[in-house]
PDB file of N, CA and C in Angstrom:
ATOM      1  N   UNK A   1       0.836  -1.166   0.000  1.00  0.00           N
ATOM      2  CA  UNK A   1       0.000   0.000   0.000  1.00  0.00           C
ATOM      3  C   UNK A   1       0.895   1.249   0.000  1.00  0.00           C
ATOM      4  N   UNK A   2       0.520   2.220  -0.749  1.00  0.00           N
ATOM      5  CA  UNK A   2       1.275   3.463  -0.849  1.00  0.00           C
ATOM      6  C   UNK A   2       0.958   4.333   0.364  1.00  0.00           C
ATOM      7  N   UNK A   3       1.995   4.675   1.126  1.00  0.00           N
ATOM      8  CA  UNK A   3       1.819   5.467   2.337  1.00  0.00           C
ATOM      9  C   UNK A   3       2.130   6.935   2.072  1.00  0.00           C
ATOM     10  N   UNK A   4       3.230   7.181   1.390  1.00  0.00           N
ATOM     11  CA  UNK A   4       3.659   8.552   1.120  1.00  0.00           C
ATOM     12  C   UNK A   4       3.625   8.795  -0.391  1.00  0.00           C
ATOM     13  N   UNK A   5       2.693   9.642  -0.816  1.00  0.00           N
ATOM     14  CA  UNK A   5       2.574   9.919  -2.245  1.00  0.00           C
ATOM     15  C   UNK A   5       3.664  10.875  -2.727  1.00  0.00           C
ATOM     16  N   UNK A   6       4.151  11.728  -1.848  1.00  0.00           N
ATOM     17  CA  UNK A   6       5.194  12.688  -2.236  1.00  0.00           C
ATOM     18  C   UNK A   6       6.495  11.967  -2.607  1.00  0.00           C
ATOM     19  N   UNK A   7       6.823  10.923  -1.833  1.00  0.00           N
ATOM     20  CA  UNK A   7       8.084  10.208  -2.040  1.00  0.00           C
ATOM     21  C   UNK A   7       7.897   8.818  -2.629  1.00  0.00           C
ATOM     22  N   UNK A   8       6.657   8.436  -2.862  1.00  0.00           N
ATOM     23  CA  UNK A   8       6.345   7.102  -3.399  1.00  0.00           C
ATOM     24  C   UNK A   8       6.920   6.002  -2.496  1.00  0.00           C
ATOM     25  N   UNK A   9       6.567   6.041  -1.225  1.00  0.00           N
ATOM     26  CA  UNK A   9       7.030   5.061  -0.248  1.00  0.00           C
ATOM     27  C   UNK A   9       5.871   4.148   0.099  1.00  0.00           C
ATOM     28  N   UNK A  10       6.136   2.847   0.046  1.00  0.00           N
ATOM     29  CA  UNK A  10       5.097   1.874   0.374  1.00  0.00           C
ATOM     30  C   UNK A  10       5.210   1.438   1.828  1.00  0.00           C
ATOM     31  N   UNK A  11       4.155   0.833   2.321  1.00  0.00           N
ATOM     32  CA  UNK A  11       4.159   0.341   3.704  1.00  0.00           C
ATOM     33  C   UNK A  11       5.187  -0.773   3.875  1.00  0.00           C
ATOM     34  N   UNK A  12       5.406  -1.558   2.834  1.00  0.00           N
ATOM     35  CA  UNK A  12       6.393  -2.649   2.906  1.00  0.00           C
ATOM     36  C   UNK A  12       7.801  -2.089   3.111  1.00  0.00           C
ATOM     37  N   UNK A  13       8.126  -1.001   2.436  1.00  0.00           N
ATOM     38  CA  UNK A  13       9.440  -0.376   2.607  1.00  0.00           C
ATOM     39  C   UNK A  13       9.631   0.116   4.039  1.00  0.00           C
ATOM     40  N   UNK A  14       8.585   0.728   4.582  1.00  0.00           N
ATOM     41  CA  UNK A  14       8.669   1.222   5.957  1.00  0.00           C
ATOM     42  C   UNK A  14       8.817   0.067   6.932  1.00  0.00           C
ATOM     43  N   UNK A  15       8.042  -1.004   6.744  1.00  0.00           N
ATOM     44  CA  UNK A  15       8.128  -2.178   7.617  1.00  0.00           C
ATOM     45  C   UNK A  15       9.529  -2.779   7.583  1.00  0.00           C
ATOM     46  N   UNK A  16      10.109  -2.877   6.398  1.00  0.00           N
ATOM     47  CA  UNK A  16      11.463  -3.446   6.271  1.00  0.00           C
ATOM     48  C   UNK A  16      12.500  -2.591   6.998  1.00  0.00           C
ATOM     49  N   UNK A  17      12.391  -1.279   6.856  1.00  0.00           N
ATOM     50  CA  UNK A  17      13.337  -0.371   7.521  1.00  0.00           C
ATOM     51  C   UNK A  17      13.201  -0.483   9.032  1.00  0.00           C
ATOM     52  N   UNK A  18      11.963  -0.512   9.525  1.00  0.00           N
ATOM     53  CA  UNK A  18      11.742  -0.614  10.970  1.00  0.00           C
ATOM     54  C   UNK A  18      12.310  -1.925  11.499  1.00  0.00           C
ATOM     55  N   UNK A  19      12.108  -3.018  10.788  1.00  0.00           N
ATOM     56  CA  UNK A  19      12.658  -4.305  11.217  1.00  0.00           C
ATOM     57  C   UNK A  19      14.183  -4.281  11.228  1.00  0.00           C
ATOM     58  N   UNK A  20      14.792  -3.662  10.237  1.00  0.00           N
ATOM     59  CA  UNK A  20      16.254  -3.550  10.209  1.00  0.00           C
ATOM     60  C   UNK A  20      16.755  -2.753  11.414  1.00  0.00           C
ATOM     61  N   UNK A  21      16.076  -1.655  11.716  1.00  0.00           N
ATOM     62  CA  UNK A  21      16.477  -0.840  12.859  1.00  0.00           C
ATOM     63  C   UNK A  21      16.321  -1.609  14.167  1.00  0.00           C
ATOM     64  N   UNK A  22      15.231  -2.354  14.298  1.00  0.00           N
ATOM     65  CA  UNK A  22      15.008  -3.123  15.521  1.00  0.00           C
ATOM     66  C   UNK A  22      15.997  -4.273  15.656  1.00  0.00           C
ATOM     67  N   UNK A  23      16.390  -4.867  14.558  1.00  0.00           N
ATOM     68  CA  UNK A  23      17.390  -5.945  14.624  1.00  0.00           C
ATOM     69  C   UNK A  23      18.751  -5.396  15.045  1.00  0.00           C
ATOM     70  N   UNK A  24      19.046  -4.169  14.650  1.00  0.00           N
ATOM     71  CA  UNK A  24      20.310  -3.551  15.046  1.00  0.00           C
ATOM     72  C   UNK A  24      20.314  -3.223  16.536  1.00  0.00           C
ATOM     73  N   UNK A  25      19.197  -2.707  17.041  1.00  0.00           N
ATOM     74  CA  UNK A  25      19.053  -2.376  18.464  1.00  0.00           C
ATOM     75  C   UNK A  25      17.573  -2.484  18.816  1.00  0.00           C
ATOM     76  N   UNK A  26      17.171  -3.577  19.468  1.00  0.00           N
ATOM     77  CA  UNK A  26      15.745  -3.806  19.724  1.00  0.00           C
ATOM     78  C   UNK A  26      15.077  -2.771  20.620  1.00  0.00           C
ATOM     79  N   UNK A  27      15.844  -2.035  21.410  1.00  0.00           N
ATOM     80  CA  UNK A  27      15.230  -1.108  22.355  1.00  0.00           C
ATOM     81  C   UNK A  27      15.409   0.353  21.963  1.00  0.00           C
ATOM     82  N   UNK A  28      15.806   0.590  20.733  1.00  0.00           N
ATOM     83  CA  UNK A  28      15.921   1.974  20.304  1.00  0.00           C
ATOM     84  C   UNK A  28      14.539   2.560  20.003  1.00  0.00           C
ATOM     85  N   UNK A  29      14.464   3.848  20.031  1.00  0.00           N
ATOM     86  CA  UNK A  29      13.222   4.542  19.714  1.00  0.00           C
ATOM     87  C   UNK A  29      13.213   4.819  18.216  1.00  0.00           C
ATOM     88  N   UNK A  30      12.300   4.172  17.523  1.00  0.00           N
ATOM     89  CA  UNK A  30      12.191   4.359  16.077  1.00  0.00           C
ATOM     90  C   UNK A  30      11.150   5.452  15.831  1.00  0.00           C
ATOM     91  N   UNK A  31      11.566   6.486  15.158  1.00  0.00           N
ATOM     92  CA  UNK A  31      10.692   7.619  14.848  1.00  0.00           C
ATOM     93  C   UNK A  31      10.650   7.808  13.332  1.00  0.00           C
ATOM     94  N   UNK A  32       9.622   8.503  12.828  1.00  0.00           N
ATOM     95  CA  UNK A  32       9.532   8.695  11.381  1.00  0.00           C
ATOM     96  C   UNK A  32      10.770   9.335  10.765  1.00  0.00           C
ATOM     97  N   UNK A  33      11.426  10.248  11.476  1.00  0.00           N
ATOM     98  CA  UNK A  33      12.623  10.889  10.920  1.00  0.00           C
ATOM     99  C   UNK A  33      13.723   9.871  10.640  1.00  0.00           C
ATOM    100  N   UNK A  34      13.858   8.868  11.525  1.00  0.00           N
ATOM    101  CA  UNK A  34      14.853   7.812  11.297  1.00  0.00           C
ATOM    102  C   UNK A  34      14.499   6.979  10.078  1.00  0.00           C
ATOM    103  N   UNK A  35      13.225   6.684   9.928  1.00  0.00           N
ATOM    104  CA  UNK A  35      12.780   5.886   8.782  1.00  0.00           C
ATOM    105  C   UNK A  35      13.064   6.636   7.488  1.00  0.00           C
ATOM    106  N   UNK A  36      12.705   7.911   7.450  1.00  0.00           N
ATOM    107  CA  UNK A  36      12.968   8.704   6.248  1.00  0.00           C
ATOM    108  C   UNK A  36      14.466   8.841   5.979  1.00  0.00           C
ATOM    109  N   UNK A  37      15.254   8.977   7.030  1.00  0.00           N
ATOM    110  CA  UNK A  37      16.707   9.087   6.848  1.00  0.00           C
ATOM    111  C   UNK A  37      17.275   7.804   6.256  1.00  0.00           C
ATOM    112  N   UNK A  38      16.774   6.660   6.713  1.00  0.00           N
ATOM    113  CA  UNK A  38      17.241   5.372   6.163  1.00  0.00           C
ATOM    114  C   UNK A  38      16.856   5.224   4.695  1.00  0.00           C
ATOM    115  N   UNK A  39      15.746   5.831   4.311  1.00  0.00           N
ATOM    116  CA  UNK A  39      15.304   5.775   2.916  1.00  0.00           C
ATOM    117  C   UNK A  39      15.925   6.888   2.062  1.00  0.00           C
ATOM    118  N   UNK A  40      16.756   7.740   2.698  1.00  0.00           N
ATOM    119  CA  UNK A  40      17.379   8.889   2.026  1.00  0.00           C
ATOM    120  C   UNK A  40      16.327   9.826   1.430  1.00  0.00           C
ATOM    121  N   UNK A  41      15.268  10.027   2.205  1.00  0.00           N
ATOM    122  CA  UNK A  41      14.202  10.932   1.793  1.00  0.00           C
ATOM    123  C   UNK A  41      13.778  11.756   2.998  1.00  0.00           C
ATOM    124  N   UNK A  42      12.871  12.704   2.780  1.00  0.00           N
ATOM    125  CA  UNK A  42      12.343  13.498   3.887  1.00  0.00           C
ATOM    126  C   UNK A  42      10.843  13.667   3.695  1.00  0.00           C
ATOM    127  N   UNK A  43      10.161  13.925   4.794  1.00  0.00           N
ATOM    128  CA  UNK A  43       8.716  14.153   4.727  1.00  0.00           C
ATOM    129  C   UNK A  43       8.481  15.534   4.131  1.00  0.00           C
ATOM    130  N   UNK A  44       7.833  15.592   3.005  1.00  0.00           N
ATOM    131  CA  UNK A  44       7.627  16.881   2.334  1.00  0.00           C
ATOM    132  C   UNK A  44       6.380  17.577   2.874  1.00  0.00           C
ATOM    133  N   UNK A  45       5.223  16.977   2.716  1.00  0.00           N
ATOM    134  CA  UNK A  45       3.997  17.620   3.197  1.00  0.00           C
ATOM    135  C   UNK A  45       3.627  17.135   4.600  1.00  0.00           C
ATOM    136  N   UNK A  46       4.229  16.069   5.061  1.00  0.00           N
ATOM    137  CA  UNK A  46       4.017  15.468   6.388  1.00  0.00           C
ATOM    138  C   UNK A  46       2.619  14.902   6.590  1.00  0.00           C
ATOM    139  N   UNK A  47       1.873  14.730   5.539  1.00  0.00           N
ATOM    140  CA  UNK A  47       0.545  14.130   5.656  1.00  0.00           C
ATOM    141  C   UNK A  47       0.607  12.641   5.950  1.00  0.00           C
ATOM    142  N   UNK A  48       1.729  12.018   5.647  1.00  0.00           N
ATOM    143  CA  UNK A  48       1.874  10.577   5.833  1.00  0.00           C
ATOM    144  C   UNK A  48       2.430  10.219   7.209  1.00  0.00           C
ATOM    145  N   UNK A  49       2.923  11.179   7.964  1.00  0.00           N
ATOM    146  CA  UNK A  49       3.594  10.894   9.237  1.00  0.00           C
ATOM    147  C   UNK A  49       2.711  10.117  10.211  1.00  0.00           C
ATOM    148  N   UNK A  50       1.414  10.451  10.375  1.00  0.00           N
ATOM    149  CA  UNK A  50       0.591   9.640  11.274  1.00  0.00           C
ATOM    150  C   UNK A  50       0.496   8.169  10.840  1.00  0.00           C
ATOM    151  N   UNK A  51       0.428   7.935   9.545  1.00  0.00           N
ATOM    152  CA  UNK A  51       0.390   6.551   9.056  1.00  0.00           C
ATOM    153  C   UNK A  51       1.724   5.848   9.287  1.00  0.00           C
ATOM    154  N   UNK A  52       2.813   6.573   9.130  1.00  0.00           N
ATOM    155  CA  UNK A  52       4.136   6.001   9.378  1.00  0.00           C
ATOM    156  C   UNK A  52       4.268   5.639  10.853  1.00  0.00           C
ATOM    157  N   UNK A  53       3.772   6.494  11.737  1.00  0.00           N
ATOM    158  CA  UNK A  53       3.813   6.205  13.171  1.00  0.00           C
ATOM    159  C   UNK A  53       3.011   4.943  13.476  1.00  0.00           C
ATOM    160  N   UNK A  54       1.831   4.806  12.880  1.00  0.00           N
ATOM    161  CA  UNK A  54       1.016   3.604  13.092  1.00  0.00           C
ATOM    162  C   UNK A  54       1.754   2.349  12.635  1.00  0.00           C
ATOM    163  N   UNK A  55       2.440   2.417  11.504  1.00  0.00           N
ATOM    164  CA  UNK A  55       3.195   1.268  10.998  1.00  0.00           C
ATOM    165  C   UNK A  55       4.351   0.952  11.940  1.00  0.00           C
ATOM    166  N   UNK A  56       5.051   1.970  12.411  1.00  0.00           N
ATOM    167  CA  UNK A  56       6.176   1.762  13.339  1.00  0.00           C
ATOM    168  C   UNK A  56       5.686   1.076  14.608  1.00  0.00           C
ATOM    169  N   UNK A  57       4.576   1.548  15.164  1.00  0.00           N
ATOM    170  CA  UNK A  57       4.040   0.956  16.396  1.00  0.00           C
ATOM    171  C   UNK A  57       3.645  -0.496  16.160  1.00  0.00           C
ATOM    172  N   UNK A  58       2.941  -0.760  15.078  1.00  0.00           N
ATOM    173  CA  UNK A  58       2.490  -2.128  14.784  1.00  0.00           C
ATOM    174  C   UNK A  58       3.669  -3.084  14.597  1.00  0.00           C
ATOM    175  N   UNK A  59       4.657  -2.672  13.813  1.00  0.00           N
ATOM    176  CA  UNK A  59       5.814  -3.528  13.544  1.00  0.00           C
ATOM    177  C   UNK A  59       6.632  -3.741  14.815  1.00  0.00           C
ATOM    178  N   UNK A  60       6.799  -2.696  15.615  1.00  0.00           N
ATOM    179  CA  UNK A  60       7.566  -2.805  16.860  1.00  0.00           C
ATOM    180  C   UNK A  60       6.871  -3.737  17.842  1.00  0.00           C
ATOM    181  N   UNK A  61       5.563  -3.615  17.988  1.00  0.00           N
ATOM    182  CA  UNK A  61       4.817  -4.510  18.879  1.00  0.00           C
ATOM    183  C   UNK A  61       4.931  -5.958  18.424  1.00  0.00           C
ATOM    184  N   UNK A  62       4.781  -6.189  17.128  1.00  0.00           N
ATOM    185  CA  UNK A  62       4.896  -7.557  16.602  1.00  0.00           C
ATOM    186  C   UNK A  62       6.300  -8.112  16.805  1.00  0.00           C
ATOM    187  N   UNK A  63       7.304  -7.278  16.583  1.00  0.00           N
ATOM    188  CA  UNK A  63       8.689  -7.723  16.754  1.00  0.00           C
ATOM    189  C   UNK A  63       8.946  -8.146  18.194  1.00  0.00           C
ATOM    190  N   UNK A  64       8.525  -7.318  19.152  1.00  0.00           N
ATOM    191  CA  UNK A  64       8.768  -7.647  20.555  1.00  0.00           C
ATOM    192  C   UNK A  64       7.906  -8.819  21.024  1.00  0.00           C
ATOM    193  N   UNK A  65       6.735  -8.986  20.456  1.00  0.00           N
ATOM    194  CA  UNK A  65       5.901 -10.142  20.803  1.00  0.00           C
ATOM    195  C   UNK A  65       6.554 -11.437  20.320  1.00  0.00           C
ATOM    196  N   UNK A  66       7.184 -11.400  19.154  1.00  0.00           N
ATOM    197  CA  UNK A  66       7.871 -12.586  18.635  1.00  0.00           C
ATOM    198  C   UNK A  66       9.127 -12.896  19.427  1.00  0.00           C
ATOM    199  N   UNK A  67       9.790 -11.863  19.952  1.00  0.00           N
ATOM    200  CA  UNK A  67      11.034 -12.050  20.688  1.00  0.00           C
ATOM    201  C   UNK A  67      10.808 -12.372  22.160  1.00  0.00           C
ATOM    202  N   UNK A  68       9.565 -12.282  22.614  1.00  0.00           N
ATOM    203  CA  UNK A  68       9.261 -12.476  24.035  1.00  0.00           C
ATOM    204  C   UNK A  68       9.561 -13.908  24.458  1.00  0.00           C
ATOM    205  N   UNK A  69       9.971 -14.033  25.716  1.00  0.00           N
ATOM    206  CA  UNK A  69      10.241 -15.343  26.277  1.00  0.00           C
ATOM    207  C   UNK A  69       8.936 -15.986  26.711  1.00  0.00           C
ATOM    208  N   UNK A  70       8.864 -17.311  26.681  1.00  0.00           N
ATOM    209  CA  UNK A  70       7.660 -17.970  27.184  1.00  0.00           C
ATOM    210  C   UNK A  70       7.469 -17.660  28.661  1.00  0.00           C
ATOM    211  N   UNK A  71       6.229 -17.640  29.136  1.00  0.00           N
ATOM    212  CA  UNK A  71       5.965 -17.279  30.532  1.00  0.00           C
ATOM    213  C   UNK A  71       6.713 -18.151  31.542  1.00  0.00           C
ATOM    214  N   UNK A  72       7.026 -19.372  31.211  1.00  0.00           N
ATOM    215  CA  UNK A  72       7.730 -20.253  32.148  1.00  0.00           C
ATOM    216  C   UNK A  72       9.142 -19.743  32.423  1.00  0.00           C
ATOM    217  N   UNK A  73       9.745 -19.037  31.480  1.00  0.00           N
ATOM    218  CA  UNK A  73      11.103 -18.544  31.652  1.00  0.00           C
ATOM    219  C   UNK A  73      11.155 -17.222  32.414  1.00  0.00           C
ATOM    220  N   UNK A  74      10.041 -16.527  32.507  1.00  0.00           N
ATOM    221  CA  UNK A  74      10.011 -15.253  33.193  1.00  0.00           C
ATOM    222  C   UNK A  74       9.849 -15.466  34.688  1.00  0.00           C
ATOM    223  N   UNK A  75      10.506 -14.643  35.467  1.00  0.00           N
ATOM    224  CA  UNK A  75      10.415 -14.710  36.908  1.00  0.00           C
ATOM    225  C   UNK A  75       9.530 -13.562  37.371  1.00  0.00           C
ATOM    226  N   UNK A  76       8.523 -13.893  38.146  1.00  0.00           N
ATOM    227  CA  UNK A  76       7.644 -12.829  38.612  1.00  0.00           C
ATOM    228  C   UNK A  76       8.360 -12.013  39.689  1.00  0.00           C
ATOM    229  N   UNK A  77       7.970 -10.784  39.827  1.00  0.00           N
ATOM    230  CA  UNK A  77       8.588  -9.895  40.794  1.00  0.00           C
ATOM    231  C   UNK A  77       8.378 -10.414  42.212  1.00  0.00           C
ATOM    232  N   UNK A  78       7.171 -10.875  42.509  1.00  0.00           N
ATOM    233  CA  UNK A  78       6.857 -11.337  43.860  1.00  0.00           C
ATOM    234  C   UNK A  78       7.704 -12.551  44.242  1.00  0.00           C
ATOM    235  N   UNK A  79       7.860 -13.518  43.347  1.00  0.00           N
ATOM    236  CA  UNK A  79       8.667 -14.703  43.679  1.00  0.00           C
ATOM    237  C   UNK A  79      10.139 -14.333  43.819  1.00  0.00           C
ATOM    238  N   UNK A  80      10.597 -13.362  43.040  1.00  0.00           N
ATOM    239  CA  UNK A  80      11.982 -12.899  43.167  1.00  0.00           C
ATOM    240  C   UNK A  80      12.229 -12.232  44.511  1.00  0.00           C
ATOM    241  N   UNK A  81      11.265 -11.438  44.977  1.00  0.00           N
ATOM    242  CA  UNK A  81      11.403 -10.789  46.277  1.00  0.00           C
ATOM    243  C   UNK A  81      11.377 -11.809  47.411  1.00  0.00           C
ATOM    244  N   UNK A  82      10.519 -12.811  47.305  1.00  0.00           N
ATOM    245  CA  UNK A  82      10.461 -13.858  48.329  1.00  0.00           C
ATOM    246  C   UNK A  82      11.791 -14.607  48.418  1.00  0.00           C
ATOM    247  N   UNK A  83      12.394 -14.859  47.277  1.00  0.00           N
ATOM    248  CA  UNK A  83      13.684 -15.550  47.246  1.00  0.00           C
ATOM    249  C   UNK A  83      14.759 -14.707  47.934  1.00  0.00           C
ATOM    250  N   UNK A  84      14.763 -13.409  47.685  1.00  0.00           N
ATOM    251  CA  UNK A  84      15.734 -12.520  48.332  1.00  0.00           C
ATOM    252  C   UNK A  84      15.511 -12.454  49.838  1.00  0.00           C
ATOM    253  N   UNK A  85      14.256 -12.436  50.274  1.00  0.00           N
ATOM    254  CA  UNK A  85      13.964 -12.411  51.699  1.00  0.00           C
ATOM    255  C   UNK A  85      14.490 -13.668  52.382  1.00  0.00           C
ATOM    256  N   UNK A  86      14.319 -14.817  51.747  1.00  0.00           N
ATOM    257  CA  UNK A  86      14.802 -16.076  52.316  1.00  0.00           C
ATOM    258  C   UNK A  86      16.322 -16.087  52.417  1.00  0.00           C
ATOM    259  N   UNK A  87      16.992 -15.490  51.460  1.00  0.00           N
ATOM    260  CA  UNK A  87      18.451 -15.430  51.490  1.00  0.00           C
ATOM    261  C   UNK A  87      18.931 -14.511  52.607  1.00  0.00           C
ATOM    262  N   UNK A  88      18.190 -13.471  52.908  1.00  0.00           N
ATOM    263  CA  UNK A  88      18.591 -12.504  53.926  1.00  0.00           C
ATOM    264  C   UNK A  88      18.341 -12.990  55.346  1.00  0.00           C
ATOM    265  N   UNK A  89      17.474 -13.953  55.546  1.00  0.00           N
ATOM    266  CA  UNK A  89      17.088 -14.371  56.891  1.00  0.00           C
ATOM    267  C   UNK A  89      18.288 -14.844  57.702  1.00  0.00           C
ATOM    268  N   UNK A  90      19.162 -15.629  57.115  1.00  0.00           N
ATOM    269  CA  UNK A  90      20.293 -16.175  57.855  1.00  0.00           C
ATOM    270  C   UNK A  90      21.488 -15.255  57.953  1.00  0.00           C
ATOM    271  N   UNK A  91      21.466 -14.156  57.290  1.00  0.00           N
ATOM    272  CA  UNK A  91      22.606 -13.239  57.254  1.00  0.00           C
ATOM    273  C   UNK A  91      22.589 -12.349  58.497  1.00  0.00           C
ATOM    274  N   UNK A  92      23.746 -12.232  59.138  1.00  0.00           N
ATOM    275  CA  UNK A  92      23.852 -11.362  60.312  1.00  0.00           C
ATOM    276  C   UNK A  92      23.975  -9.925  59.832  1.00  0.00           C
ATOM    277  N   UNK A  93      23.150  -9.091  60.390  1.00  0.00           N
ATOM    278  CA  UNK A  93      23.163  -7.682  60.024  1.00  0.00           C
ATOM    279  C   UNK A  93      24.056  -6.914  60.981  1.00  0.00           C
ATOM    280  N   UNK A  94      24.412  -5.723  60.611  1.00  0.00           N
ATOM    281  CA  UNK A  94      25.265  -4.902  61.463  1.00  0.00           C
ATOM    282  C   UNK A  94      24.421  -4.251  62.561  1.00  0.00           C
ATOM    283  N   UNK A  95      24.063  -5.053  63.526  1.00  0.00           N
ATOM    284  CA  UNK A  95      23.331  -4.557  64.689  1.00  0.00           C
ATOM    285  C   UNK A  95      23.962  -5.133  65.930  1.00  0.00           C
ATOM    286  N   UNK A  96      23.569  -4.633  67.033  1.00  0.00           N
ATOM    287  CA  UNK A  96      24.063  -5.191  68.299  1.00  0.00           C
ATOM    288  C   UNK A  96      23.394  -6.533  68.526  1.00  0.00           C
ATOM    289  N   UNK A  97      24.134  -7.432  69.128  1.00  0.00           N
ATOM    290  CA  UNK A  97      23.531  -8.729  69.442  1.00  0.00           C
ATOM    291  C   UNK A  97      22.526  -8.528  70.593  1.00  0.00           C
ATOM    292  N   UNK A  98      21.666  -9.503  70.792  1.00  0.00           N
ATOM    293  CA  UNK A  98      20.614  -9.365  71.790  1.00  0.00           C
ATOM    294  C   UNK A  98      21.184  -9.307  73.211  1.00  0.00           C
ATOM    295  N   UNK A  99      22.350  -9.916  73.451  1.00  0.00           N
ATOM    296  CA  UNK A  99      22.925  -9.912  74.787  1.00  0.00           C
ATOM    297  C   UNK A  99      23.757  -8.686  75.070  1.00  0.00           C
ATOM    298  N   UNK A 100      23.932  -7.813  74.118  1.00  0.00           N
ATOM    299  CA  UNK A 100      24.761  -6.631  74.300  1.00  0.00           C
ATOM    300  C   UNK A 100      24.021  -5.567  75.106  1.00  0.00           C
ATOM    301  N   UNK A 101      24.717  -4.997  76.063  1.00  0.00           N
ATOM    302  CA  UNK A 101      24.119  -3.931  76.861  1.00  0.00           C
ATOM    303  C   UNK A 101      24.890  -2.653  76.640  1.00  0.00           C
ATOM    304  N   UNK A 102      24.182  -1.616  76.477  1.00  0.00           N
ATOM    305  CA  UNK A 102      24.827  -0.321  76.341  1.00  0.00           C
ATOM    306  C   UNK A 102      25.264   0.151  77.724  1.00  0.00           C
ATOM    307  N   UNK A 103      26.295   0.956  77.810  1.00  0.00           N
ATOM    308  CA  UNK A 103      26.821   1.424  79.090  1.00  0.00           C
ATOM    309  C   UNK A 103      25.883   2.246  79.884  1.00  0.00           C
TER     310      UNK A 103
END
């Protein structure tokens, strides 16, 4: 589908550029200016920018959904905190012992 009539850019071209950028750095912020720079073009009338943003969001969400780990591999925050608490129970802290008396 033709997204930008000024530059004759299709949605497939934008999707490919976004995927290339995400493969280089999955957590970078992909913005329309980066996409246009990769295509060696610029937004002339800027009427296509909202559509480009929608494509970037859709492709980025799909990319991260495909790269996500299965739920069994993820550790929940609550279970991680419980594990840390159990490790701390036996550790002596820098406090006075119970038999210590102050002068």
